[in-house]
Protein backbone atom coordinates (compact mmCIF):
# COMPACT_ATOMS: atom_id res chain seq x y z
CA MET A 1 114.15 85.86 91.74
CA ASN A 2 116.20 88.93 92.48
CA LYS A 3 115.44 91.75 94.74
CA ASP A 4 113.86 94.08 92.10
CA VAL A 5 111.09 91.85 91.46
CA PHE A 6 109.81 91.99 95.21
CA ALA A 7 110.56 95.88 95.06
CA THR A 8 108.28 96.35 92.20
CA ARG A 9 105.78 94.07 94.12
CA ARG A 10 105.88 96.20 96.97
CA HIS A 11 105.50 99.44 95.11
CA ASN A 12 102.57 98.00 93.18
CA LEU A 13 100.53 97.25 96.63
CA MET A 14 101.69 100.79 97.81
CA LYS A 15 100.46 102.54 94.96
CA HIS A 16 96.76 101.14 96.02
CA ILE A 17 97.12 101.91 99.83
CA GLY A 18 97.69 105.62 99.36
CA GLU A 19 98.48 107.32 102.79
CA GLY A 20 98.00 103.96 104.68
CA ILE A 21 99.92 101.45 105.98
CA ALA A 22 100.30 97.56 105.29
CA ILE A 23 101.30 95.09 108.00
CA ILE A 24 102.09 91.66 107.16
CA PRO A 25 102.95 88.84 109.37
CA THR A 26 104.53 85.61 108.24
CA ALA A 27 103.37 82.35 109.36
CA PRO A 28 104.15 80.93 112.91
CA VAL A 29 106.15 78.08 113.67
CA CYS A 30 103.84 74.88 114.14
CA THR A 31 104.57 71.82 116.49
CA ARG A 32 104.06 68.52 115.10
CA ASN A 33 104.54 66.69 118.49
CA ARG A 34 106.34 67.71 121.59
CA ASP A 35 109.87 69.07 120.62
CA VAL A 36 109.48 68.43 116.81
CA GLU A 37 108.36 71.17 114.35
CA TYR A 38 106.88 70.95 110.81
CA PRO A 39 109.18 71.92 108.44
CA TYR A 40 108.69 75.75 108.04
CA ARG A 41 107.37 77.38 105.21
CA ALA A 42 106.68 81.24 105.11
CA ASP A 43 103.27 82.62 104.75
CA SER A 44 102.57 83.39 100.79
CA ASP A 45 101.54 86.96 100.86
CA PHE A 46 104.57 87.66 103.26
CA ALA A 47 106.66 85.86 100.94
CA TYR A 48 105.26 87.20 97.95
CA LEU A 49 106.34 90.53 99.15
CA THR A 50 109.92 90.05 100.69
CA HIS A 51 110.94 86.57 99.91
CA PHE A 52 112.03 86.36 103.19
CA PRO A 53 112.18 82.76 104.65
CA GLU A 54 112.36 82.78 108.46
CA PRO A 55 109.77 82.79 111.20
CA GLU A 56 108.86 85.51 113.36
CA ALA A 57 109.11 88.27 111.09
CA VAL A 58 106.84 91.15 110.06
CA ALA A 59 106.83 93.45 106.95
CA VAL A 60 105.33 96.81 107.12
CA LEU A 61 105.02 98.97 104.11
CA ALA A 62 104.55 102.73 105.07
CA PRO A 63 104.21 104.77 101.77
CA GLY A 64 105.88 108.25 102.02
CA ARG A 65 107.68 107.35 105.24
CA PRO A 66 111.00 109.54 104.73
CA GLN A 67 113.38 106.99 106.33
CA GLY A 68 112.08 104.52 103.93
CA GLU A 69 108.99 102.88 102.98
CA PHE A 70 109.87 99.14 103.64
CA ILE A 71 110.27 98.13 107.41
CA MET A 72 111.10 94.65 108.67
CA PHE A 73 111.08 93.35 112.00
CA CYS A 74 112.84 90.24 112.47
CA ARG A 75 115.17 88.05 114.77
CA GLU A 76 118.64 89.58 115.30
CA LYS A 77 121.69 87.24 114.73
CA ASP A 78 122.34 85.01 117.64
CA PRO A 79 125.63 82.83 117.33
CA GLU A 80 124.33 80.51 120.07
CA LYS A 81 120.98 79.91 118.85
CA GLU A 82 122.23 79.73 115.22
CA THR A 83 124.41 76.79 116.02
CA TRP A 84 121.36 74.80 117.30
CA ASP A 85 118.84 76.13 114.76
CA GLY A 86 120.51 77.52 111.55
CA ARG A 87 121.51 80.44 110.30
CA ARG A 88 119.75 83.83 110.37
CA ALA A 89 119.67 86.97 108.31
CA GLY A 90 119.54 89.25 111.06
CA LEU A 91 118.68 93.17 110.61
CA GLU A 92 121.80 93.61 108.39
CA GLY A 93 120.70 90.71 106.01
CA ALA A 94 117.02 91.83 105.88
CA CYS A 95 118.19 95.03 104.74
CA ASN A 96 121.24 94.02 102.32
CA ASP A 97 119.63 90.68 101.07
CA TYR A 98 116.12 91.31 101.14
CA GLY A 99 115.81 94.89 100.40
CA ALA A 100 114.40 96.52 103.48
CA ASP A 101 114.93 100.03 104.03
CA ASP A 102 114.96 99.58 107.86
CA ALA A 103 115.01 96.64 110.13
CA PHE A 104 114.47 96.30 113.89
CA PRO A 105 114.41 93.33 116.22
CA ILE A 106 111.21 91.55 116.45
CA ASP A 107 111.25 91.81 120.04
CA ASP A 108 110.88 95.55 120.00
CA ILE A 109 107.76 95.37 117.59
CA ASP A 110 105.49 96.47 120.58
CA ASP A 111 107.76 99.69 121.19
CA ILE A 112 108.11 100.73 117.57
CA LEU A 113 105.00 99.87 115.58
CA PRO A 114 102.53 101.95 117.32
CA GLY A 115 104.68 105.05 116.06
CA LEU A 116 104.34 104.05 112.50
CA LEU A 117 100.68 103.84 112.87
CA GLU A 118 100.26 107.39 113.78
CA ASN A 119 98.23 109.64 111.45
CA ARG A 120 97.78 106.76 109.11
CA PRO A 121 94.00 106.73 108.09
CA GLU A 122 93.76 102.97 107.54
CA VAL A 123 95.65 99.66 108.39
CA HIS A 124 95.87 96.89 105.42
CA VAL A 125 96.19 93.51 107.22
CA PRO A 126 95.34 89.81 106.41
CA MET A 127 92.03 89.96 108.50
CA GLY A 128 91.42 86.85 110.52
CA ARG A 129 94.37 84.58 109.31
CA TYR A 130 96.36 85.10 112.59
CA PRO A 131 94.15 85.97 115.41
CA ASP A 132 96.80 86.31 117.93
CA PHE A 133 98.44 88.84 115.62
CA ASN A 134 95.41 90.78 115.08
CA ASP A 135 94.94 90.95 118.74
CA ARG A 136 98.47 92.51 118.89
CA LEU A 137 97.48 95.04 116.24
CA MET A 138 94.37 96.13 118.46
CA GLY A 139 97.04 96.81 121.09
CA TRP A 140 98.96 98.87 119.16
CA VAL A 141 95.92 100.88 117.78
CA SER A 142 94.98 101.35 121.42
CA THR A 143 98.53 103.04 122.32
CA VAL A 144 98.16 105.55 119.39
CA GLN A 145 94.41 106.23 120.47
CA LYS A 146 95.80 107.17 123.84
CA LYS A 147 97.57 110.19 122.21
CA ALA A 148 94.51 111.74 120.99
CA ARG A 149 94.96 114.86 123.25
CA ALA A 150 98.59 115.40 121.96
CA GLY A 151 96.93 115.74 118.21
CA VAL A 152 97.76 112.13 117.19
CA HIS A 153 95.28 110.47 114.96
CA ALA A 154 94.95 106.58 115.29
CA PRO A 155 93.87 104.68 112.12
CA LYS A 156 90.19 104.65 111.69
CA ARG A 157 89.90 101.91 109.08
CA PHE A 158 90.99 98.34 108.69
CA VAL A 159 91.15 96.90 105.42
CA ASP A 160 91.54 93.32 104.17
CA LEU A 161 94.79 93.01 102.49
CA SER A 162 93.23 90.36 100.23
CA GLU A 163 91.19 92.87 98.48
CA ILE A 164 94.34 94.50 96.83
CA LEU A 165 97.01 91.74 96.99
CA TYR A 166 95.20 88.89 95.58
CA GLU A 167 94.37 90.69 92.62
CA LEU A 168 98.00 91.47 92.24
CA ARG A 169 98.88 87.60 93.08
CA LEU A 170 96.41 86.43 90.44
CA ILE A 171 98.26 87.76 87.38
CA LYS A 172 101.80 85.97 87.26
CA GLN A 173 104.71 87.98 85.85
CA THR A 174 107.53 86.40 84.03
CA PRO A 175 109.62 85.48 87.01
CA GLU A 176 106.56 83.70 88.45
CA LEU A 177 105.92 81.72 85.35
CA ARG A 178 109.52 80.29 85.07
CA ALA A 179 109.16 79.31 88.67
CA LEU A 180 105.79 77.46 87.80
CA LYS A 181 107.29 75.86 84.90
CA LYS A 182 110.38 74.75 86.72
CA ALA A 183 107.77 73.11 89.42
CA CYS A 184 105.75 71.46 86.41
CA THR A 185 109.12 70.06 84.73
CA ILE A 186 110.38 68.55 88.11
CA SER A 187 106.85 67.18 88.78
CA ALA A 188 106.50 65.64 85.25
CA LYS A 189 109.77 63.80 85.77
CA ALA A 190 108.32 62.69 89.17
CA HIS A 191 105.07 61.37 87.61
CA LYS A 192 107.24 59.29 84.94
CA ARG A 193 109.42 57.99 87.31
CA ALA A 194 106.34 56.54 89.29
CA MET A 195 104.88 55.22 86.24
CA ARG A 196 108.00 53.26 85.33
CA ALA A 197 108.44 51.90 88.80
CA CYS A 198 104.71 50.92 89.40
CA LYS A 199 104.00 47.18 89.41
CA PRO A 200 101.41 44.92 90.84
CA GLY A 201 102.63 43.76 94.57
CA LEU A 202 104.15 47.19 95.37
CA HIS A 203 102.66 49.38 97.88
CA GLU A 204 101.06 52.98 97.25
CA TYR A 205 103.59 54.46 99.65
CA GLN A 206 106.45 52.99 97.64
CA ILE A 207 105.36 54.88 94.55
CA GLU A 208 104.80 57.93 96.67
CA ALA A 209 108.51 57.34 97.71
CA GLU A 210 109.45 57.53 93.97
CA LEU A 211 107.70 60.94 93.58
CA ASN A 212 109.49 62.24 96.62
CA TYR A 213 112.94 61.02 95.40
CA GLU A 214 112.30 63.13 91.91
CA PHE A 215 110.94 66.25 93.97
CA ARG A 216 114.14 66.63 95.86
CA HIS A 217 116.73 65.48 93.27
CA GLY A 218 115.11 67.98 91.00
CA GLY A 219 115.59 70.96 93.22
CA GLY A 220 111.92 71.38 94.74
CA GLN A 221 111.96 72.57 98.32
CA ALA A 222 108.88 70.46 99.24
CA VAL A 223 105.56 68.85 98.19
CA ALA A 224 103.04 71.44 97.06
CA TYR A 225 100.61 69.46 98.82
CA PRO A 226 100.24 65.99 100.43
CA PRO A 227 100.50 63.27 97.53
CA ILE A 228 97.43 61.25 96.54
CA VAL A 229 98.63 57.88 95.49
CA ALA A 230 95.32 55.85 95.01
CA GLY A 231 95.24 52.50 93.66
CA GLY A 232 92.01 50.58 92.81
CA ALA A 233 88.78 51.78 94.92
CA ASN A 234 91.04 54.37 96.71
CA ALA A 235 90.84 56.40 93.48
CA CYS A 236 87.18 57.26 94.11
CA ILE A 237 88.01 59.09 97.31
CA LEU A 238 88.76 62.59 96.03
CA HIS A 239 91.43 63.52 98.79
CA TYR A 240 92.76 60.03 99.79
CA THR A 241 96.34 60.57 101.35
CA GLU A 242 96.83 57.42 103.38
CA ASN A 243 98.99 55.92 100.46
CA SER A 244 99.25 52.65 102.38
CA ASP A 245 97.46 49.97 100.31
CA PRO A 246 99.00 47.12 98.08
CA LEU A 247 98.71 47.76 94.24
CA ASN A 248 96.47 44.96 92.52
CA ASP A 249 97.03 43.58 89.08
CA GLY A 250 94.00 45.09 86.78
CA ASP A 251 93.53 48.17 89.16
CA LEU A 252 94.20 51.61 87.79
CA LEU A 253 96.44 54.07 90.02
CA LEU A 254 95.60 57.63 90.18
CA ILE A 255 98.39 59.87 91.39
CA ASP A 256 97.77 63.54 92.10
CA ALA A 257 100.86 65.16 93.04
CA GLY A 258 103.24 68.33 92.54
CA VAL A 259 106.29 69.67 93.80
CA GLU A 260 106.67 73.46 95.21
CA TYR A 261 109.64 75.24 93.80
CA ASP A 262 110.86 78.70 94.91
CA TYR A 263 107.31 78.95 96.77
CA TYR A 264 105.44 78.12 93.34
CA ALA A 265 103.38 74.81 93.04
CA ALA A 266 102.53 72.36 90.43
CA ASP A 267 99.66 70.26 90.55
CA ILE A 268 99.52 67.16 88.21
CA THR A 269 96.93 64.21 88.02
CA ARG A 270 97.63 61.13 85.80
CA THR A 271 95.74 57.87 86.24
CA PHE A 272 97.33 54.76 84.49
CA PRO A 273 97.19 50.83 84.85
CA VAL A 274 99.04 49.08 87.67
CA ASN A 275 100.11 46.35 85.35
CA GLY A 276 100.89 48.59 82.37
CA LYS A 277 97.78 47.81 80.11
CA TYR A 278 94.42 49.50 80.35
CA SER A 279 91.27 47.26 80.55
CA ALA A 280 88.61 47.59 78.10
CA GLU A 281 86.38 49.33 80.73
CA GLN A 282 89.23 51.27 82.13
CA LYS A 283 90.17 52.48 78.51
CA GLU A 284 86.85 53.84 77.59
CA LEU A 285 86.00 55.84 80.60
CA TYR A 286 89.83 57.23 80.48
CA GLN A 287 89.23 58.23 76.85
CA VAL A 288 85.87 60.02 77.93
CA VAL A 289 87.86 62.00 80.78
CA LEU A 290 90.53 62.81 78.54
CA ALA A 291 88.14 64.12 75.82
CA ALA A 292 86.55 66.14 78.51
CA GLN A 293 89.85 67.64 79.33
CA GLN A 294 90.63 68.73 75.77
CA ALA A 295 87.22 70.14 75.35
CA ALA A 296 87.78 72.44 78.51
CA ILE A 297 91.46 73.26 77.30
CA ASP A 298 89.88 74.07 73.68
CA VAL A 299 87.81 76.93 75.37
CA THR A 300 90.29 78.03 78.10
CA ARG A 301 91.35 81.52 76.18
CA PRO A 302 91.57 85.01 77.14
CA GLY A 303 88.08 86.68 77.30
CA THR A 304 86.59 83.18 78.17
CA LEU A 305 84.33 83.26 81.41
CA TRP A 306 85.78 81.01 84.38
CA ASN A 307 82.87 78.60 84.21
CA GLU A 308 83.14 77.90 80.52
CA PRO A 309 85.83 75.07 80.80
CA HIS A 310 83.88 73.58 83.26
CA ASP A 311 80.66 73.57 81.44
CA ALA A 312 82.54 72.05 78.28
CA ALA A 313 84.00 69.22 80.25
CA VAL A 314 80.49 68.51 81.87
CA VAL A 315 79.00 67.85 78.46
CA VAL A 316 81.44 65.34 77.50
CA LEU A 317 81.40 63.52 80.85
CA ALA A 318 77.73 63.21 80.73
CA GLN A 319 77.71 62.06 77.16
CA GLY A 320 80.26 59.40 78.07
CA LEU A 321 78.41 58.04 80.91
CA LEU A 322 75.25 57.80 78.98
CA ASP A 323 77.20 55.89 75.95
CA ALA A 324 78.58 53.54 78.78
CA ARG A 325 75.04 53.03 80.07
CA ILE A 326 76.21 54.19 83.48
CA LEU A 327 73.47 56.87 83.23
CA LYS A 328 70.34 56.74 81.53
CA GLY A 329 68.17 59.41 79.78
CA SER A 330 68.91 62.15 77.22
CA LEU A 331 71.85 64.67 77.40
CA ASP A 332 69.76 67.48 78.00
CA GLY A 333 67.92 65.47 80.99
CA VAL A 334 71.25 64.58 82.78
CA LEU A 335 72.67 68.00 82.63
CA GLU A 336 69.52 69.66 83.90
CA SER A 337 69.06 67.13 86.78
CA GLY A 338 72.67 67.23 87.53
CA SER A 339 72.58 63.33 88.09
CA TYR A 340 76.22 63.12 86.50
CA LYS A 341 77.38 64.83 89.88
CA ARG A 342 77.08 61.45 91.26
CA PHE A 343 80.32 60.45 89.39
CA TYR A 344 81.88 63.98 88.79
CA MET A 345 81.46 66.19 91.98
CA HIS A 346 84.03 68.74 91.78
CA ARG A 347 84.79 71.65 89.44
CA THR A 348 87.21 71.45 86.55
CA GLY A 349 90.00 73.60 87.82
CA HIS A 350 91.17 76.21 90.26
CA TRP A 351 93.79 78.96 90.28
CA LEU A 352 97.42 78.08 90.78
CA GLY A 353 100.35 79.80 92.19
CA MET A 354 102.00 80.18 95.54
CA ASP A 355 99.20 78.23 97.08
CA VAL A 356 97.88 75.25 95.12
CA HIS A 357 94.50 76.61 95.58
CA ASP A 358 95.60 80.13 94.48
CA VAL A 359 94.17 83.36 95.70
CA GLY A 360 91.89 85.36 93.55
CA GLU A 361 88.27 85.82 93.02
CA TYR A 362 86.46 83.65 90.55
CA LYS A 363 83.34 85.85 90.30
CA ILE A 364 83.43 89.85 90.01
CA GLU A 365 80.10 90.67 92.00
CA ASP A 366 77.68 87.83 90.64
CA THR A 367 79.40 87.39 87.08
CA TRP A 368 82.16 84.71 86.42
CA ARG A 369 85.01 86.79 85.68
CA GLN A 370 86.87 86.63 82.37
CA LEU A 371 90.26 84.83 81.77
CA GLU A 372 93.18 87.22 81.34
CA PRO A 373 96.96 86.81 80.12
CA GLY A 374 98.93 85.83 83.23
CA MET A 375 96.48 83.67 85.01
CA VAL A 376 97.49 80.42 85.79
CA MET A 377 94.89 77.48 86.35
CA THR A 378 94.41 73.70 86.34
CA VAL A 379 92.33 71.79 84.14
CA GLU A 380 91.05 68.67 85.85
CA PRO A 381 88.04 66.46 85.01
CA GLY A 382 87.38 63.12 86.34
CA LEU A 383 84.93 60.15 86.69
CA TYR A 384 84.55 58.14 89.93
CA ILE A 385 82.60 55.07 90.00
CA PRO A 386 82.66 53.62 93.58
CA GLY A 387 82.05 49.94 94.18
CA ASN A 388 78.46 48.96 94.75
CA SER A 389 77.09 51.66 93.00
CA ILE A 390 73.37 51.24 92.73
CA GLY A 391 72.28 50.75 89.12
CA VAL A 392 75.57 50.46 87.73
CA HIS A 393 77.18 47.33 86.09
CA PRO A 394 79.85 45.88 88.37
CA ARG A 395 82.36 45.98 85.35
CA TRP A 396 82.64 49.89 85.95
CA TRP A 397 83.14 49.61 89.76
CA ASN A 398 86.16 50.98 91.51
CA ILE A 399 87.35 52.91 88.51
CA GLY A 400 88.49 56.30 89.76
CA ILE A 401 90.24 58.69 86.90
CA ARG A 402 91.24 62.20 86.95
CA ILE A 403 93.44 63.91 84.39
CA GLU A 404 95.09 67.34 85.57
CA ASP A 405 97.37 69.80 83.54
CA ASP A 406 98.40 73.29 84.53
CA VAL A 407 97.76 75.88 82.37
CA VAL A 408 98.99 79.49 81.60
CA ILE A 409 96.59 81.98 79.67
CA LYS A 410 98.83 83.74 77.18
CA LYS A 411 98.09 86.68 74.95
CA LYS A 412 95.61 86.70 71.99
CA THR A 413 93.98 83.26 71.82
CA ASP A 414 97.19 81.09 73.10
CA VAL A 415 97.54 79.08 76.36
CA GLU A 416 100.54 77.25 77.48
CA ILE A 417 100.33 73.79 79.14
CA LEU A 418 103.04 73.81 81.65
CA SER A 419 102.82 69.78 82.52
CA SER A 420 102.93 68.77 78.93
CA ALA A 421 105.94 66.70 79.47
CA THR A 422 103.74 64.26 81.34
CA PRO A 423 102.53 61.28 79.32
CA LYS A 424 98.73 61.56 79.19
CA THR A 425 97.27 59.60 76.28
CA VAL A 426 96.56 55.69 76.38
CA GLU A 427 98.90 55.07 74.01
CA ASP A 428 101.92 57.23 75.35
CA ILE A 429 101.04 55.74 79.10
CA GLU A 430 101.26 52.29 77.93
CA GLN A 431 104.36 52.71 75.97
CA TRP A 432 106.18 54.66 78.48
CA MET A 433 105.34 51.87 81.24
CA ALA A 434 106.64 49.09 78.83
CA GLY A 435 110.00 51.10 78.63
């Protein structure tokens, strides 16, 4: 994405904050163990506004400031440290490469930032996310308050940045959709590679390695979240990430995995037979989940309320459980009692973007919000029948199935499935696995 994209985002945010000021820190470096750090990834809000990839940085947006409205505090160039830890943009790079109007050393922020707060009525910050940073902000405000007798006003209000920024992030623009589509394209290839590689006797981690190969080979920067590679009974653990067990002949393998590309996440789930052929029971429940997903996608349109795809999926899943005699009673009774939640306990989707569970309200006050063009969401119904499920015939035990795709709400009545290149029907999966 070019600099103009981020300049437009900053401009859109500043239109909302008026005479206030926005202060956005990036994420801190996190230690994994002793001298080893986790791979660094910038805070999503900070990256959305700056695209600046380095730690120890703070972006300031000061509408109306004559010397420039976008100020960056970051690390200075340092040849010795760069020899050890990699190149830095420095102050000049912050301006030339990332569009800052002014840049100052991060070590000077305590001296400079209080002056930027003077006579600003309110401060927009990510409240509560970085407690240490919030403490420093209170110190800067206190410094300004001490100038009251000189006629200097300190900010009187603190506003959570998410109130404005999350709504801006919720509606994806064309460059964002391109990044999401690229992430889904890479992830689809990874899922297909995993299907082809799968066979009884391998371990879950070996399939995870196939995913990781395709993620990096395709140009992804990192996994969007820890991959779930869950064989057999493990697929009934929703957030299983150990990925350590052997894959057994006759079991299903559930893979929930996606790559991050240029800060944007894919999130795709497929469930397929380890030996390449669904059993009768696996196929029956798989077709139920697939039909539930299609029912949800069919009502995923502009103007639809957020909860309607979930409700559509639940009806199909509940009827499928009744048809398989896993549940007993009537459809209305099952829906009213919620007894289906024993085997389907999560929602049918979530927002998707820079964060895999992306920002944005699902309700406006107490009303489910309407879907709008530019929103991106997952559609992911599932069924999970753990072993020893009371009242359930053993032939259904240890079957866990989820099918997940990434969907863009388009104009009028149109949607686009970004992850459509990943095989999904029983016939397509079995044919692909057979080579």
